[in-house]
């Protein structure tokens, strides 16, 4: 097993599309600075993806087949009885919500992967 000290290439020597952030870059990541490096078009695209993920993406595990499952569910046990009643759906609808939640997460990841160099400041801001 190779450890970080034995890495054959420094991070700077890797092509940008093959690089992942170091622990130090993750630890010091400044989201506000990264946002400022994005063009207005990129900010809008990301904003839309984030809104979708923040609404649809977090709905996974909110729905259950029975009220008993909803009452004991990690994501739902603190809800009122009225909210719990709304979280009971047929299995096919629960599965479709899970698919949409996963799709929203995947769309976010697919969008972010190519712009990591820009977000981490490895390249300049978008023009």
C-alpha atoms as a PDB file:
ATOM      1  CA  UNK A   1       0.000   0.000   0.000  1.00  0.00           C
ATOM      2  CA  UNK A   2       1.351   3.403  -0.978  1.00  0.00           C
ATOM      3  CA  UNK A   3       1.049   6.274   1.475  1.00  0.00           C
ATOM      4  CA  UNK A   4       0.955   9.981   0.660  1.00  0.00           C
ATOM      5  CA  UNK A   5       4.688  10.387   1.203  1.00  0.00           C
ATOM      6  CA  UNK A   6       5.391   7.713  -1.427  1.00  0.00           C
ATOM      7  CA  UNK A   7       3.178   9.261  -4.107  1.00  0.00           C
ATOM      8  CA  UNK A   8       5.059   9.191  -7.423  1.00  0.00           C
ATOM      9  CA  UNK A   9       3.625  12.536  -8.625  1.00  0.00           C
ATOM     10  CA  UNK A  10       3.008  15.735  -6.757  1.00  0.00           C
ATOM     11  CA  UNK A  11      -0.525  17.118  -6.960  1.00  0.00           C
ATOM     12  CA  UNK A  12       0.761  19.945  -9.147  1.00  0.00           C
ATOM     13  CA  UNK A  13       2.136  17.441 -11.674  1.00  0.00           C
ATOM     14  CA  UNK A  14      -1.240  15.765 -12.189  1.00  0.00           C
ATOM     15  CA  UNK A  15      -3.517  16.901 -15.004  1.00  0.00           C
ATOM     16  CA  UNK A  16      -6.265  19.069 -13.480  1.00  0.00           C
ATOM     17  CA  UNK A  17      -9.011  16.698 -14.590  1.00  0.00           C
ATOM     18  CA  UNK A  18      -7.245  13.850 -12.740  1.00  0.00           C
ATOM     19  CA  UNK A  19      -6.567  15.702  -9.518  1.00  0.00           C
ATOM     20  CA  UNK A  20      -8.505  15.468  -6.280  1.00  0.00           C
ATOM     21  CA  UNK A  21      -8.176  17.963  -3.428  1.00  0.00           C
ATOM     22  CA  UNK A  22      -5.691  17.287  -0.685  1.00  0.00           C
ATOM     23  CA  UNK A  23      -6.806  17.045   2.920  1.00  0.00           C
ATOM     24  CA  UNK A  24      -5.380  20.509   3.528  1.00  0.00           C
ATOM     25  CA  UNK A  25      -7.333  21.953   0.588  1.00  0.00           C
ATOM     26  CA  UNK A  26     -10.538  20.405   1.880  1.00  0.00           C
ATOM     27  CA  UNK A  27      -9.871  21.613   5.405  1.00  0.00           C
ATOM     28  CA  UNK A  28      -9.180  25.181   4.237  1.00  0.00           C
ATOM     29  CA  UNK A  29     -11.839  25.296   1.500  1.00  0.00           C
ATOM     30  CA  UNK A  30     -13.499  28.723   1.331  1.00  0.00           C
ATOM     31  CA  UNK A  31     -16.938  28.351  -0.259  1.00  0.00           C
ATOM     32  CA  UNK A  32     -17.434  32.124  -0.539  1.00  0.00           C
ATOM     33  CA  UNK A  33     -14.148  32.546  -2.414  1.00  0.00           C
ATOM     34  CA  UNK A  34     -15.005  29.592  -4.662  1.00  0.00           C
ATOM     35  CA  UNK A  35     -18.405  31.112  -5.404  1.00  0.00           C
ATOM     36  CA  UNK A  36     -16.771  34.416  -6.320  1.00  0.00           C
ATOM     37  CA  UNK A  37     -14.542  32.626  -8.860  1.00  0.00           C
ATOM     38  CA  UNK A  38     -17.613  31.421 -10.756  1.00  0.00           C
ATOM     39  CA  UNK A  39     -19.219  33.322 -13.601  1.00  0.00           C
ATOM     40  CA  UNK A  40     -22.820  34.508 -13.137  1.00  0.00           C
ATOM     41  CA  UNK A  41     -23.945  31.741 -15.515  1.00  0.00           C
ATOM     42  CA  UNK A  42     -22.138  29.097 -13.460  1.00  0.00           C
ATOM     43  CA  UNK A  43     -23.622  30.525 -10.263  1.00  0.00           C
ATOM     44  CA  UNK A  44     -27.124  30.259 -11.734  1.00  0.00           C
ATOM     45  CA  UNK A  45     -26.593  26.679 -12.944  1.00  0.00           C
ATOM     46  CA  UNK A  46     -25.232  25.609  -9.573  1.00  0.00           C
ATOM     47  CA  UNK A  47     -27.946  27.507  -7.753  1.00  0.00           C
ATOM     48  CA  UNK A  48     -30.633  25.624  -9.644  1.00  0.00           C
ATOM     49  CA  UNK A  49     -28.985  22.274  -8.970  1.00  0.00           C
ATOM     50  CA  UNK A  50     -28.595  23.100  -5.286  1.00  0.00           C
ATOM     51  CA  UNK A  51     -32.230  24.163  -4.986  1.00  0.00           C
ATOM     52  CA  UNK A  52     -33.305  20.889  -6.605  1.00  0.00           C
ATOM     53  CA  UNK A  53     -31.040  18.833  -4.363  1.00  0.00           C
ATOM     54  CA  UNK A  54     -32.034  20.787  -1.260  1.00  0.00           C
ATOM     55  CA  UNK A  55     -35.703  20.162  -1.910  1.00  0.00           C
ATOM     56  CA  UNK A  56     -36.048  16.890  -3.822  1.00  0.00           C
ATOM     57  CA  UNK A  57     -32.749  15.348  -2.774  1.00  0.00           C
ATOM     58  CA  UNK A  58     -33.452  15.484   0.897  1.00  0.00           C
ATOM     59  CA  UNK A  59     -36.891  13.894   0.513  1.00  0.00           C
ATOM     60  CA  UNK A  60     -35.366  10.449   0.310  1.00  0.00           C
ATOM     61  CA  UNK A  61     -36.172   8.530   3.512  1.00  0.00           C
ATOM     62  CA  UNK A  62     -39.052  10.893   4.378  1.00  0.00           C
ATOM     63  CA  UNK A  63     -41.665   8.500   3.029  1.00  0.00           C
ATOM     64  CA  UNK A  64     -42.786   5.182   4.466  1.00  0.00           C
ATOM     65  CA  UNK A  65     -45.328   2.493   3.656  1.00  0.00           C
ATOM     66  CA  UNK A  66     -46.962   2.583   7.077  1.00  0.00           C
ATOM     67  CA  UNK A  67     -47.598   5.154   9.779  1.00  0.00           C
ATOM     68  CA  UNK A  68     -45.674   2.931  12.209  1.00  0.00           C
ATOM     69  CA  UNK A  69     -42.569   3.104  10.023  1.00  0.00           C
ATOM     70  CA  UNK A  70     -42.962   6.878   9.801  1.00  0.00           C
ATOM     71  CA  UNK A  71     -43.223   7.167  13.599  1.00  0.00           C
ATOM     72  CA  UNK A  72     -39.967   5.277  14.097  1.00  0.00           C
ATOM     73  CA  UNK A  73     -38.070   6.583  11.074  1.00  0.00           C
ATOM     74  CA  UNK A  74     -34.840   8.462  11.744  1.00  0.00           C
ATOM     75  CA  UNK A  75     -35.824  11.324   9.431  1.00  0.00           C
ATOM     76  CA  UNK A  76     -39.490  11.483  10.463  1.00  0.00           C
ATOM     77  CA  UNK A  77     -39.937  10.420  14.104  1.00  0.00           C
ATOM     78  CA  UNK A  78     -39.989  14.024  15.358  1.00  0.00           C
ATOM     79  CA  UNK A  79     -42.822  15.114  13.034  1.00  0.00           C
ATOM     80  CA  UNK A  80     -46.400  15.921  14.030  1.00  0.00           C
ATOM     81  CA  UNK A  81     -49.103  13.325  13.428  1.00  0.00           C
ATOM     82  CA  UNK A  82     -50.349  15.387  10.476  1.00  0.00           C
ATOM     83  CA  UNK A  83     -46.928  15.381   8.833  1.00  0.00           C
ATOM     84  CA  UNK A  84     -46.476  11.690   9.567  1.00  0.00           C
ATOM     85  CA  UNK A  85     -49.755  10.938   7.816  1.00  0.00           C
ATOM     86  CA  UNK A  86     -48.496  12.765   4.710  1.00  0.00           C
ATOM     87  CA  UNK A  87     -45.327  10.686   4.689  1.00  0.00           C
ATOM     88  CA  UNK A  88     -47.190   7.406   4.073  1.00  0.00           C
ATOM     89  CA  UNK A  89     -47.073   6.478   0.399  1.00  0.00           C
ATOM     90  CA  UNK A  90     -47.290   3.325  -1.713  1.00  0.00           C
ATOM     91  CA  UNK A  91     -43.941   1.582  -2.312  1.00  0.00           C
ATOM     92  CA  UNK A  92     -43.798   2.530  -6.005  1.00  0.00           C
ATOM     93  CA  UNK A  93     -44.067   6.228  -5.127  1.00  0.00           C
ATOM     94  CA  UNK A  94     -41.447   5.895  -2.387  1.00  0.00           C
ATOM     95  CA  UNK A  95     -39.121   4.268  -4.906  1.00  0.00           C
ATOM     96  CA  UNK A  96     -39.742   7.065  -7.418  1.00  0.00           C
ATOM     97  CA  UNK A  97     -38.950   9.701  -4.783  1.00  0.00           C
ATOM     98  CA  UNK A  98     -35.697   7.838  -4.022  1.00  0.00           C
ATOM     99  CA  UNK A  99     -34.815   7.786  -7.730  1.00  0.00           C
ATOM    100  CA  UNK A 100     -35.479  11.523  -8.087  1.00  0.00           C
ATOM    101  CA  UNK A 101     -33.445  12.244  -4.930  1.00  0.00           C
ATOM    102  CA  UNK A 102     -30.519  10.229  -6.287  1.00  0.00           C
ATOM    103  CA  UNK A 103     -30.806  11.916  -9.692  1.00  0.00           C
ATOM    104  CA  UNK A 104     -30.684  15.353  -8.047  1.00  0.00           C
ATOM    105  CA  UNK A 105     -27.545  14.372  -6.130  1.00  0.00           C
ATOM    106  CA  UNK A 106     -25.919  12.865  -9.211  1.00  0.00           C
ATOM    107  CA  UNK A 107     -26.678  15.967 -11.299  1.00  0.00           C
ATOM    108  CA  UNK A 108     -24.985  18.094  -8.657  1.00  0.00           C
ATOM    109  CA  UNK A 109     -21.912  15.837  -8.612  1.00  0.00           C
ATOM    110  CA  UNK A 110     -21.745  15.664 -12.406  1.00  0.00           C
ATOM    111  CA  UNK A 111     -21.801  19.443 -12.587  1.00  0.00           C
ATOM    112  CA  UNK A 112     -19.178  19.990  -9.889  1.00  0.00           C
ATOM    113  CA  UNK A 113     -16.570  17.450 -10.966  1.00  0.00           C
ATOM    114  CA  UNK A 114     -15.415  19.380 -14.067  1.00  0.00           C
ATOM    115  CA  UNK A 115     -15.153  22.675 -12.185  1.00  0.00           C
ATOM    116  CA  UNK A 116     -13.151  21.447  -9.179  1.00  0.00           C
ATOM    117  CA  UNK A 117      -9.995  23.152 -10.521  1.00  0.00           C
ATOM    118  CA  UNK A 118     -11.827  26.457 -10.586  1.00  0.00           C
ATOM    119  CA  UNK A 119     -13.526  25.953  -7.204  1.00  0.00           C
ATOM    120  CA  UNK A 120     -10.299  24.982  -5.468  1.00  0.00           C
ATOM    121  CA  UNK A 121      -8.420  27.847  -7.115  1.00  0.00           C
ATOM    122  CA  UNK A 122      -6.121  25.639  -9.187  1.00  0.00           C
ATOM    123  CA  UNK A 123      -7.096  27.778 -12.202  1.00  0.00           C
ATOM    124  CA  UNK A 124      -8.291  31.337 -12.586  1.00  0.00           C
ATOM    125  CA  UNK A 125     -11.879  32.584 -12.454  1.00  0.00           C
ATOM    126  CA  UNK A 126     -14.263  32.006 -15.332  1.00  0.00           C
ATOM    127  CA  UNK A 127     -14.420  34.762 -17.872  1.00  0.00           C
END
